[in-house]
């Protein structure tokens, strides 16, 4: 396995922190999980089945253009589920582990 670039290492840390926060007890957990599933679908549409960590980091950088609208549509009555530091990052963490060039963590 290769080493992560600085941008990838930063993203991986943020994504892992989001995944840990998703696992914490929270009244908005079900809604957040629905948002994570919607982000999974969006990433599948944007990246397909084969992608690199660099592709994923680029998609993450672009996510500010689409994440909030998606989260509001999926969980309209639960603003706590719209926190990108939880739902978005948790979804990206899962995808990061499956990148074609995933790095050792």
PDB file of N, CA and C in Angstrom:
ATOM      1  N   UNK A   1       0.839  -1.180   0.000  1.00  0.00           N
ATOM      2  CA  UNK A   1       0.000   0.000   0.000  1.00  0.00           C
ATOM      3  C   UNK A   1       0.885   1.245   0.000  1.00  0.00           C
ATOM      4  N   UNK A   2       0.392   2.275  -0.583  1.00  0.00           N
ATOM      5  CA  UNK A   2       1.152   3.518  -0.684  1.00  0.00           C
ATOM      6  C   UNK A   2       0.836   4.431   0.488  1.00  0.00           C
ATOM      7  N   UNK A   3       1.613   5.479   0.623  1.00  0.00           N
ATOM      8  CA  UNK A   3       1.352   6.484   1.656  1.00  0.00           C
ATOM      9  C   UNK A   3       0.367   7.505   1.114  1.00  0.00           C
ATOM     10  N   UNK A   4      -0.397   8.088   2.010  1.00  0.00           N
ATOM     11  CA  UNK A   4      -1.367   9.115   1.613  1.00  0.00           C
ATOM     12  C   UNK A   4      -0.660  10.438   1.378  1.00  0.00           C
ATOM     13  N   UNK A   5      -1.158  11.198   0.400  1.00  0.00           N
ATOM     14  CA  UNK A   5      -0.674  12.564   0.229  1.00  0.00           C
ATOM     15  C   UNK A   5      -1.191  13.377   1.419  1.00  0.00           C
ATOM     16  N   UNK A   6      -0.648  14.568   1.653  1.00  0.00           N
ATOM     17  CA  UNK A   6      -1.157  15.390   2.762  1.00  0.00           C
ATOM     18  C   UNK A   6      -2.663  15.666   2.664  1.00  0.00           C
ATOM     19  N   UNK A   7      -3.147  15.956   1.459  1.00  0.00           N
ATOM     20  CA  UNK A   7      -4.587  16.219   1.297  1.00  0.00           C
ATOM     21  C   UNK A   7      -5.404  14.968   1.604  1.00  0.00           C
ATOM     22  N   UNK A   8      -4.933  13.820   1.165  1.00  0.00           N
ATOM     23  CA  UNK A   8      -5.634  12.570   1.432  1.00  0.00           C
ATOM     24  C   UNK A   8      -5.607  12.242   2.916  1.00  0.00           C
ATOM     25  N   UNK A   9      -4.450  12.426   3.556  1.00  0.00           N
ATOM     26  CA  UNK A   9      -4.336  12.131   4.991  1.00  0.00           C
ATOM     27  C   UNK A   9      -5.279  13.005   5.803  1.00  0.00           C
ATOM     28  N   UNK A  10      -5.375  14.278   5.445  1.00  0.00           N
ATOM     29  CA  UNK A  10      -6.298  15.184   6.140  1.00  0.00           C
ATOM     30  C   UNK A  10      -7.735  14.735   5.941  1.00  0.00           C
ATOM     31  N   UNK A  11      -8.086  14.422   4.703  1.00  0.00           N
ATOM     32  CA  UNK A  11      -9.452  13.972   4.418  1.00  0.00           C
ATOM     33  C   UNK A  11      -9.770  12.691   5.172  1.00  0.00           C
ATOM     34  N   UNK A  12      -8.842  11.750   5.177  1.00  0.00           N
ATOM     35  CA  UNK A  12      -9.076  10.484   5.877  1.00  0.00           C
ATOM     36  C   UNK A  12      -9.313  10.709   7.370  1.00  0.00           C
ATOM     37  N   UNK A  13      -8.560  11.619   7.967  1.00  0.00           N
ATOM     38  CA  UNK A  13      -8.772  11.923   9.395  1.00  0.00           C
ATOM     39  C   UNK A  13     -10.158  12.530   9.627  1.00  0.00           C
ATOM     40  N   UNK A  14     -10.556  13.461   8.766  1.00  0.00           N
ATOM     41  CA  UNK A  14     -11.880  14.078   8.900  1.00  0.00           C
ATOM     42  C   UNK A  14     -12.975  13.036   8.721  1.00  0.00           C
ATOM     43  N   UNK A  15     -12.813  12.184   7.736  1.00  0.00           N
ATOM     44  CA  UNK A  15     -13.827  11.170   7.467  1.00  0.00           C
ATOM     45  C   UNK A  15     -13.942  10.171   8.615  1.00  0.00           C
ATOM     46  N   UNK A  16     -12.809   9.750   9.151  1.00  0.00           N
ATOM     47  CA  UNK A  16     -12.839   8.820  10.286  1.00  0.00           C
ATOM     48  C   UNK A  16     -13.514   9.455  11.500  1.00  0.00           C
ATOM     49  N   UNK A  17     -13.247  10.726  11.742  1.00  0.00           N
ATOM     50  CA  UNK A  17     -13.889  11.425  12.865  1.00  0.00           C
ATOM     51  C   UNK A  17     -15.399  11.489  12.656  1.00  0.00           C
ATOM     52  N   UNK A  18     -15.834  11.719  11.434  1.00  0.00           N
ATOM     53  CA  UNK A  18     -17.269  11.745  11.140  1.00  0.00           C
ATOM     54  C   UNK A  18     -17.919  10.397  11.367  1.00  0.00           C
ATOM     55  N   UNK A  19     -17.217   9.349  10.993  1.00  0.00           N
ATOM     56  CA  UNK A  19     -17.759   8.001  11.195  1.00  0.00           C
ATOM     57  C   UNK A  19     -17.893   7.688  12.686  1.00  0.00           C
ATOM     58  N   UNK A  20     -16.913   8.108  13.475  1.00  0.00           N
ATOM     59  CA  UNK A  20     -17.000   7.902  14.924  1.00  0.00           C
ATOM     60  C   UNK A  20     -18.171   8.681  15.518  1.00  0.00           C
ATOM     61  N   UNK A  21     -18.373   9.901  15.053  1.00  0.00           N
ATOM     62  CA  UNK A  21     -19.494  10.711  15.544  1.00  0.00           C
ATOM     63  C   UNK A  21     -20.833  10.085  15.140  1.00  0.00           C
ATOM     64  N   UNK A  22     -20.890   9.477  13.974  1.00  0.00           N
ATOM     65  CA  UNK A  22     -22.121   8.824  13.531  1.00  0.00           C
ATOM     66  C   UNK A  22     -22.487   7.683  14.463  1.00  0.00           C
ATOM     67  N   UNK A  23     -21.487   7.009  15.008  1.00  0.00           N
ATOM     68  CA  UNK A  23     -21.736   5.867  15.886  1.00  0.00           C
ATOM     69  C   UNK A  23     -22.175   6.269  17.295  1.00  0.00           C
ATOM     70  N   UNK A  24     -22.067   7.550  17.637  1.00  0.00           N
ATOM     71  CA  UNK A  24     -22.480   8.006  18.968  1.00  0.00           C
ATOM     72  C   UNK A  24     -24.002   8.031  19.066  1.00  0.00           C
ATOM     73  N   UNK A  25     -24.549   7.755  20.254  1.00  0.00           N
ATOM     74  CA  UNK A  25     -26.005   7.835  20.438  1.00  0.00           C
ATOM     75  C   UNK A  25     -26.484   9.260  20.157  1.00  0.00           C
ATOM     76  N   UNK A  26     -27.551   9.363  19.403  1.00  0.00           N
ATOM     77  CA  UNK A  26     -28.072  10.675  19.032  1.00  0.00           C
ATOM     78  C   UNK A  26     -29.517  10.513  18.582  1.00  0.00           C
ATOM     79  N   UNK A  27     -30.404  11.422  18.980  1.00  0.00           N
ATOM     80  CA  UNK A  27     -31.799  11.322  18.541  1.00  0.00           C
ATOM     81  C   UNK A  27     -31.953  11.418  17.020  1.00  0.00           C
ATOM     82  N   UNK A  28     -30.991  12.031  16.349  1.00  0.00           N
ATOM     83  CA  UNK A  28     -31.065  12.193  14.900  1.00  0.00           C
ATOM     84  C   UNK A  28     -30.380  11.048  14.149  1.00  0.00           C
ATOM     85  N   UNK A  29     -29.983  10.011  14.843  1.00  0.00           N
ATOM     86  CA  UNK A  29     -29.218   8.920  14.229  1.00  0.00           C
ATOM     87  C   UNK A  29     -29.910   8.296  13.020  1.00  0.00           C
ATOM     88  N   UNK A  30     -31.179   7.995  13.129  1.00  0.00           N
ATOM     89  CA  UNK A  30     -31.882   7.360  12.002  1.00  0.00           C
ATOM     90  C   UNK A  30     -31.889   8.276  10.778  1.00  0.00           C
ATOM     91  N   UNK A  31     -32.134   9.547  11.004  1.00  0.00           N
ATOM     92  CA  UNK A  31     -32.125  10.499   9.890  1.00  0.00           C
ATOM     93  C   UNK A  31     -30.717  10.633   9.314  1.00  0.00           C
ATOM     94  N   UNK A  32     -29.712  10.644  10.170  1.00  0.00           N
ATOM     95  CA  UNK A  32     -28.329  10.739   9.680  1.00  0.00           C
ATOM     96  C   UNK A  32     -27.967   9.521   8.843  1.00  0.00           C
ATOM     97  N   UNK A  33     -28.413   8.353   9.273  1.00  0.00           N
ATOM     98  CA  UNK A  33     -28.141   7.148   8.493  1.00  0.00           C
ATOM     99  C   UNK A  33     -28.813   7.215   7.126  1.00  0.00           C
ATOM    100  N   UNK A  34     -29.986   7.807   7.067  1.00  0.00           N
ATOM    101  CA  UNK A  34     -30.661   7.991   5.779  1.00  0.00           C
ATOM    102  C   UNK A  34     -29.868   8.945   4.888  1.00  0.00           C
ATOM    103  N   UNK A  35     -29.311   9.987   5.476  1.00  0.00           N
ATOM    104  CA  UNK A  35     -28.490  10.925   4.709  1.00  0.00           C
ATOM    105  C   UNK A  35     -27.216  10.227   4.233  1.00  0.00           C
ATOM    106  N   UNK A  36     -26.590   9.437   5.092  1.00  0.00           N
ATOM    107  CA  UNK A  36     -25.395   8.682   4.689  1.00  0.00           C
ATOM    108  C   UNK A  36     -25.730   7.784   3.496  1.00  0.00           C
ATOM    109  N   UNK A  37     -26.852   7.112   3.533  1.00  0.00           N
ATOM    110  CA  UNK A  37     -27.256   6.244   2.415  1.00  0.00           C
ATOM    111  C   UNK A  37     -27.455   7.057   1.137  1.00  0.00           C
ATOM    112  N   UNK A  38     -28.014   8.245   1.262  1.00  0.00           N
ATOM    113  CA  UNK A  38     -28.200   9.103   0.093  1.00  0.00           C
ATOM    114  C   UNK A  38     -26.858   9.588  -0.453  1.00  0.00           C
ATOM    115  N   UNK A  39     -25.912   9.880   0.430  1.00  0.00           N
ATOM    116  CA  UNK A  39     -24.564  10.264  -0.011  1.00  0.00           C
ATOM    117  C   UNK A  39     -23.911   9.075  -0.724  1.00  0.00           C
ATOM    118  N   UNK A  40     -24.092   7.874  -0.201  1.00  0.00           N
ATOM    119  CA  UNK A  40     -23.575   6.678  -0.878  1.00  0.00           C
ATOM    120  C   UNK A  40     -24.106   6.605  -2.307  1.00  0.00           C
ATOM    121  N   UNK A  41     -25.392   6.804  -2.461  1.00  0.00           N
ATOM    122  CA  UNK A  41     -25.998   6.761  -3.795  1.00  0.00           C
ATOM    123  C   UNK A  41     -25.418   7.841  -4.699  1.00  0.00           C
ATOM    124  N   UNK A  42     -25.235   9.033  -4.147  1.00  0.00           N
ATOM    125  CA  UNK A  42     -24.685  10.147  -4.934  1.00  0.00           C
ATOM    126  C   UNK A  42     -23.246   9.847  -5.348  1.00  0.00           C
ATOM    127  N   UNK A  43     -22.460   9.303  -4.443  1.00  0.00           N
ATOM    128  CA  UNK A  43     -21.077   8.964  -4.794  1.00  0.00           C
ATOM    129  C   UNK A  43     -21.027   7.853  -5.832  1.00  0.00           C
ATOM    130  N   UNK A  44     -21.914   6.898  -5.720  1.00  0.00           N
ATOM    131  CA  UNK A  44     -21.981   5.825  -6.721  1.00  0.00           C
ATOM    132  C   UNK A  44     -22.289   6.413  -8.090  1.00  0.00           C
ATOM    133  N   UNK A  45     -23.195   7.386  -8.117  1.00  0.00           N
ATOM    134  CA  UNK A  45     -23.556   8.039  -9.379  1.00  0.00           C
ATOM    135  C   UNK A  45     -22.378   8.850  -9.923  1.00  0.00           C
ATOM    136  N   UNK A  46     -21.695   9.560  -9.045  1.00  0.00           N
ATOM    137  CA  UNK A  46     -20.602  10.442  -9.467  1.00  0.00           C
ATOM    138  C   UNK A  46     -19.307   9.696  -9.777  1.00  0.00           C
ATOM    139  N   UNK A  47     -19.000   8.647  -9.035  1.00  0.00           N
ATOM    140  CA  UNK A  47     -17.698   7.990  -9.159  1.00  0.00           C
ATOM    141  C   UNK A  47     -17.741   6.616  -9.811  1.00  0.00           C
ATOM    142  N   UNK A  48     -18.873   5.945  -9.730  1.00  0.00           N
ATOM    143  CA  UNK A  48     -18.949   4.592 -10.255  1.00  0.00           C
ATOM    144  C   UNK A  48     -18.335   3.589  -9.302  1.00  0.00           C
ATOM    145  N   UNK A  49     -18.019   2.441  -9.818  1.00  0.00           N
ATOM    146  CA  UNK A  49     -17.526   1.349  -8.979  1.00  0.00           C
ATOM    147  C   UNK A  49     -16.020   1.397  -8.766  1.00  0.00           C
ATOM    148  N   UNK A  50     -15.297   2.024  -9.658  1.00  0.00           N
ATOM    149  CA  UNK A  50     -13.844   2.066  -9.562  1.00  0.00           C
ATOM    150  C   UNK A  50     -13.388   3.515  -9.463  1.00  0.00           C
ATOM    151  N   UNK A  51     -12.665   3.829  -8.402  1.00  0.00           N
ATOM    152  CA  UNK A  51     -12.230   5.199  -8.161  1.00  0.00           C
ATOM    153  C   UNK A  51     -10.982   5.153  -7.286  1.00  0.00           C
ATOM    154  N   UNK A  52     -10.211   6.202  -7.381  1.00  0.00           N
ATOM    155  CA  UNK A  52      -9.011   6.318  -6.556  1.00  0.00           C
ATOM    156  C   UNK A  52      -9.301   7.216  -5.362  1.00  0.00           C
ATOM    157  N   UNK A  53      -8.397   7.216  -4.423  1.00  0.00           N
ATOM    158  CA  UNK A  53      -8.530   8.102  -3.271  1.00  0.00           C
ATOM    159  C   UNK A  53      -8.487   9.561  -3.724  1.00  0.00           C
ATOM    160  N   UNK A  54      -7.663   9.865  -4.720  1.00  0.00           N
ATOM    161  CA  UNK A  54      -7.613  11.233  -5.255  1.00  0.00           C
ATOM    162  C   UNK A  54      -8.963  11.627  -5.852  1.00  0.00           C
ATOM    163  N   UNK A  55      -9.627  10.693  -6.564  1.00  0.00           N
ATOM    164  CA  UNK A  55     -10.963  10.966  -7.099  1.00  0.00           C
ATOM    165  C   UNK A  55     -11.929  11.292  -5.967  1.00  0.00           C
ATOM    166  N   UNK A  56     -11.820  10.532  -4.894  1.00  0.00           N
ATOM    167  CA  UNK A  56     -12.713  10.720  -3.757  1.00  0.00           C
ATOM    168  C   UNK A  56     -12.454  12.054  -3.062  1.00  0.00           C
ATOM    169  N   UNK A  57     -11.205  12.429  -2.928  1.00  0.00           N
ATOM    170  CA  UNK A  57     -10.870  13.717  -2.323  1.00  0.00           C
ATOM    171  C   UNK A  57     -11.424  14.855  -3.182  1.00  0.00           C
ATOM    172  N   UNK A  58     -11.330  14.719  -4.500  1.00  0.00           N
ATOM    173  CA  UNK A  58     -11.913  15.745  -5.388  1.00  0.00           C
ATOM    174  C   UNK A  58     -13.427  15.816  -5.214  1.00  0.00           C
ATOM    175  N   UNK A  59     -14.081  14.667  -5.121  1.00  0.00           N
ATOM    176  CA  UNK A  59     -15.537  14.650  -4.920  1.00  0.00           C
ATOM    177  C   UNK A  59     -15.902  15.285  -3.585  1.00  0.00           C
ATOM    178  N   UNK A  60     -15.078  15.059  -2.589  1.00  0.00           N
ATOM    179  CA  UNK A  60     -15.300  15.663  -1.273  1.00  0.00           C
ATOM    180  C   UNK A  60     -15.206  17.180  -1.367  1.00  0.00           C
ATOM    181  N   UNK A  61     -14.225  17.672  -2.095  1.00  0.00           N
ATOM    182  CA  UNK A  61     -14.080  19.109  -2.284  1.00  0.00           C
ATOM    183  C   UNK A  61     -15.260  19.724  -2.997  1.00  0.00           C
ATOM    184  N   UNK A  62     -15.904  18.949  -3.851  1.00  0.00           N
ATOM    185  CA  UNK A  62     -17.071  19.422  -4.606  1.00  0.00           C
ATOM    186  C   UNK A  62     -18.381  19.226  -3.846  1.00  0.00           C
ATOM    187  N   UNK A  63     -18.350  18.491  -2.745  1.00  0.00           N
ATOM    188  CA  UNK A  63     -19.586  18.117  -2.049  1.00  0.00           C
ATOM    189  C   UNK A  63     -20.353  19.309  -1.475  1.00  0.00           C
ATOM    190  N   UNK A  64     -19.667  20.431  -1.260  1.00  0.00           N
ATOM    191  CA  UNK A  64     -20.382  21.607  -0.742  1.00  0.00           C
ATOM    192  C   UNK A  64     -21.417  22.101  -1.745  1.00  0.00           C
ATOM    193  N   UNK A  65     -21.309  21.702  -2.985  1.00  0.00           N
ATOM    194  CA  UNK A  65     -22.269  22.109  -4.018  1.00  0.00           C
ATOM    195  C   UNK A  65     -23.561  21.299  -3.979  1.00  0.00           C
ATOM    196  N   UNK A  66     -23.511  20.094  -3.406  1.00  0.00           N
ATOM    197  CA  UNK A  66     -24.694  19.237  -3.476  1.00  0.00           C
ATOM    198  C   UNK A  66     -25.143  18.645  -2.141  1.00  0.00           C
ATOM    199  N   UNK A  67     -24.267  18.592  -1.137  1.00  0.00           N
ATOM    200  CA  UNK A  67     -24.618  17.877   0.090  1.00  0.00           C
ATOM    201  C   UNK A  67     -25.814  18.473   0.834  1.00  0.00           C
ATOM    202  N   UNK A  68     -25.819  19.753   1.081  1.00  0.00           N
ATOM    203  CA  UNK A  68     -26.879  20.338   1.905  1.00  0.00           C
ATOM    204  C   UNK A  68     -28.253  20.142   1.272  1.00  0.00           C
ATOM    205  N   UNK A  69     -28.355  20.341  -0.024  1.00  0.00           N
ATOM    206  CA  UNK A  69     -29.647  20.146  -0.704  1.00  0.00           C
ATOM    207  C   UNK A  69     -30.090  18.695  -0.577  1.00  0.00           C
ATOM    208  N   UNK A  70     -29.152  17.771  -0.752  1.00  0.00           N
ATOM    209  CA  UNK A  70     -29.465  16.349  -0.629  1.00  0.00           C
ATOM    210  C   UNK A  70     -29.924  16.030   0.796  1.00  0.00           C
ATOM    211  N   UNK A  71     -29.188  16.492   1.794  1.00  0.00           N
ATOM    212  CA  UNK A  71     -29.531  16.207   3.193  1.00  0.00           C
ATOM    213  C   UNK A  71     -30.888  16.788   3.561  1.00  0.00           C
ATOM    214  N   UNK A  72     -31.172  17.987   3.107  1.00  0.00           N
ATOM    215  CA  UNK A  72     -32.467  18.611   3.403  1.00  0.00           C
ATOM    216  C   UNK A  72     -33.607  17.847   2.742  1.00  0.00           C
ATOM    217  N   UNK A  73     -33.364  17.324   1.553  1.00  0.00           N
ATOM    218  CA  UNK A  73     -34.394  16.558   0.844  1.00  0.00           C
ATOM    219  C   UNK A  73     -34.658  15.220   1.545  1.00  0.00           C
ATOM    220  N   UNK A  74     -33.599  14.569   2.018  1.00  0.00           N
ATOM    221  CA  UNK A  74     -33.720  13.248   2.635  1.00  0.00           C
ATOM    222  C   UNK A  74     -34.283  13.331   4.054  1.00  0.00           C
ATOM    223  N   UNK A  75     -33.883  14.351   4.802  1.00  0.00           N
ATOM    224  CA  UNK A  75     -34.314  14.488   6.206  1.00  0.00           C
ATOM    225  C   UNK A  75     -34.813  15.913   6.450  1.00  0.00           C
ATOM    226  N   UNK A  76     -35.930  16.282   5.811  1.00  0.00           N
ATOM    227  CA  UNK A  76     -36.377  17.677   5.854  1.00  0.00           C
ATOM    228  C   UNK A  76     -36.732  18.181   7.254  1.00  0.00           C
ATOM    229  N   UNK A  77     -37.157  17.335   8.122  1.00  0.00           N
ATOM    230  CA  UNK A  77     -37.557  17.768   9.459  1.00  0.00           C
ATOM    231  C   UNK A  77     -36.491  17.578  10.519  1.00  0.00           C
ATOM    232  N   UNK A  78     -35.276  17.217  10.094  1.00  0.00           N
ATOM    233  CA  UNK A  78     -34.225  16.904  11.061  1.00  0.00           C
ATOM    234  C   UNK A  78     -32.930  17.630  10.700  1.00  0.00           C
ATOM    235  N   UNK A  79     -32.848  18.915  10.989  1.00  0.00           N
ATOM    236  CA  UNK A  79     -31.628  19.659  10.655  1.00  0.00           C
ATOM    237  C   UNK A  79     -30.354  19.080  11.277  1.00  0.00           C
ATOM    238  N   UNK A  80     -30.456  18.388  12.389  1.00  0.00           N
ATOM    239  CA  UNK A  80     -29.262  17.788  12.997  1.00  0.00           C
ATOM    240  C   UNK A  80     -28.632  16.735  12.076  1.00  0.00           C
ATOM    241  N   UNK A  81     -29.416  16.188  11.176  1.00  0.00           N
ATOM    242  CA  UNK A  81     -28.908  15.182  10.241  1.00  0.00           C
ATOM    243  C   UNK A  81     -28.145  15.805   9.083  1.00  0.00           C
ATOM    244  N   UNK A  82     -28.181  17.118   8.977  1.00  0.00           N
ATOM    245  CA  UNK A  82     -27.542  17.805   7.862  1.00  0.00           C
ATOM    246  C   UNK A  82     -26.088  18.161   8.139  1.00  0.00           C
ATOM    247  N   UNK A  83     -25.560  17.797   9.281  1.00  0.00           N
ATOM    248  CA  UNK A  83     -24.202  18.164   9.651  1.00  0.00           C
ATOM    249  C   UNK A  83     -23.211  17.396   8.770  1.00  0.00           C
ATOM    250  N   UNK A  84     -22.518  18.097   7.879  1.00  0.00           N
ATOM    251  CA  UNK A  84     -21.593  17.387   7.001  1.00  0.00           C
ATOM    252  C   UNK A  84     -20.422  16.748   7.738  1.00  0.00           C
ATOM    253  N   UNK A  85     -20.083  17.263   8.909  1.00  0.00           N
ATOM    254  CA  UNK A  85     -18.982  16.684   9.681  1.00  0.00           C
ATOM    255  C   UNK A  85     -19.353  15.315  10.249  1.00  0.00           C
ATOM    256  N   UNK A  86     -20.622  14.953  10.138  1.00  0.00           N
ATOM    257  CA  UNK A  86     -21.052  13.624  10.580  1.00  0.00           C
ATOM    258  C   UNK A  86     -21.487  12.799   9.371  1.00  0.00           C
ATOM    259  N   UNK A  87     -22.615  13.122   8.777  1.00  0.00           N
ATOM    260  CA  UNK A  87     -23.187  12.286   7.718  1.00  0.00           C
ATOM    261  C   UNK A  87     -22.313  12.225   6.468  1.00  0.00           C
ATOM    262  N   UNK A  88     -21.857  13.368   6.003  1.00  0.00           N
ATOM    263  CA  UNK A  88     -21.033  13.390   4.797  1.00  0.00           C
ATOM    264  C   UNK A  88     -19.710  12.680   5.040  1.00  0.00           C
ATOM    265  N   UNK A  89     -19.051  13.042   6.140  1.00  0.00           N
ATOM    266  CA  UNK A  89     -17.745  12.454   6.423  1.00  0.00           C
ATOM    267  C   UNK A  89     -17.843  10.956   6.669  1.00  0.00           C
ATOM    268  N   UNK A  90     -18.888  10.511   7.322  1.00  0.00           N
ATOM    269  CA  UNK A  90     -19.053   9.074   7.562  1.00  0.00           C
ATOM    270  C   UNK A  90     -19.196   8.317   6.250  1.00  0.00           C
ATOM    271  N   UNK A  91     -19.961   8.850   5.331  1.00  0.00           N
ATOM    272  CA  UNK A  91     -20.114   8.191   4.030  1.00  0.00           C
ATOM    273  C   UNK A  91     -18.781   8.146   3.288  1.00  0.00           C
ATOM    274  N   UNK A  92     -18.062   9.255   3.298  1.00  0.00           N
ATOM    275  CA  UNK A  92     -16.770   9.290   2.617  1.00  0.00           C
ATOM    276  C   UNK A  92     -15.776   8.335   3.272  1.00  0.00           C
ATOM    277  N   UNK A  93     -15.850   8.149   4.591  1.00  0.00           N
ATOM    278  CA  UNK A  93     -14.954   7.202   5.269  1.00  0.00           C
ATOM    279  C   UNK A  93     -15.137   5.805   4.709  1.00  0.00           C
ATOM    280  N   UNK A  94     -16.359   5.418   4.518  1.00  0.00           N
ATOM    281  CA  UNK A  94     -16.644   4.084   3.983  1.00  0.00           C
ATOM    282  C   UNK A  94     -16.101   3.938   2.568  1.00  0.00           C
ATOM    283  N   UNK A  95     -16.293   4.967   1.786  1.00  0.00           N
ATOM    284  CA  UNK A  95     -15.804   4.937   0.416  1.00  0.00           C
ATOM    285  C   UNK A  95     -14.277   4.966   0.380  1.00  0.00           C
ATOM    286  N   UNK A  96     -13.656   5.663   1.302  1.00  0.00           N
ATOM    287  CA  UNK A  96     -12.201   5.748   1.337  1.00  0.00           C
ATOM    288  C   UNK A  96     -11.541   4.393   1.519  1.00  0.00           C
ATOM    289  N   UNK A  97     -12.178   3.540   2.292  1.00  0.00           N
ATOM    290  CA  UNK A  97     -11.621   2.199   2.514  1.00  0.00           C
ATOM    291  C   UNK A  97     -11.686   1.331   1.260  1.00  0.00           C
ATOM    292  N   UNK A  98     -12.560   1.695   0.316  1.00  0.00           N
ATOM    293  CA  UNK A  98     -12.745   0.885  -0.875  1.00  0.00           C
ATOM    294  C   UNK A  98     -12.124   1.486  -2.130  1.00  0.00           C
ATOM    295  N   UNK A  99     -11.378   2.569  -1.974  1.00  0.00           N
ATOM    296  CA  UNK A  99     -10.695   3.168  -3.128  1.00  0.00           C
ATOM    297  C   UNK A  99      -9.717   2.164  -3.711  1.00  0.00           C
ATOM    298  N   UNK A 100      -9.510   2.253  -4.997  1.00  0.00           N
ATOM    299  CA  UNK A 100      -8.613   1.306  -5.671  1.00  0.00           C
ATOM    300  C   UNK A 100      -7.193   1.388  -5.142  1.00  0.00           C
ATOM    301  N   UNK A 101      -6.826   2.529  -4.590  1.00  0.00           N
ATOM    302  CA  UNK A 101      -5.482   2.716  -4.049  1.00  0.00           C
ATOM    303  C   UNK A 101      -5.530   3.084  -2.570  1.00  0.00           C
ATOM    304  N   UNK A 102      -6.454   2.481  -1.848  1.00  0.00           N
ATOM    305  CA  UNK A 102      -6.618   2.777  -0.430  1.00  0.00           C
ATOM    306  C   UNK A 102      -5.268   2.677   0.281  1.00  0.00           C
ATOM    307  N   UNK A 103      -5.070   3.569   1.219  1.00  0.00           N
ATOM    308  CA  UNK A 103      -3.797   3.613   1.949  1.00  0.00           C
ATOM    309  C   UNK A 103      -3.946   2.926   3.293  1.00  0.00           C
ATOM    310  N   UNK A 104      -2.827   2.473   3.816  1.00  0.00           N
ATOM    311  CA  UNK A 104      -2.818   1.866   5.140  1.00  0.00           C
ATOM    312  C   UNK A 104      -3.080   2.954   6.168  1.00  0.00           C
ATOM    313  N   UNK A 105      -3.931   2.644   7.166  1.00  0.00           N
ATOM    314  CA  UNK A 105      -4.226   3.623   8.216  1.00  0.00           C
ATOM    315  C   UNK A 105      -3.897   3.032   9.548  1.00  0.00           C
TER     316      UNK A 105
END
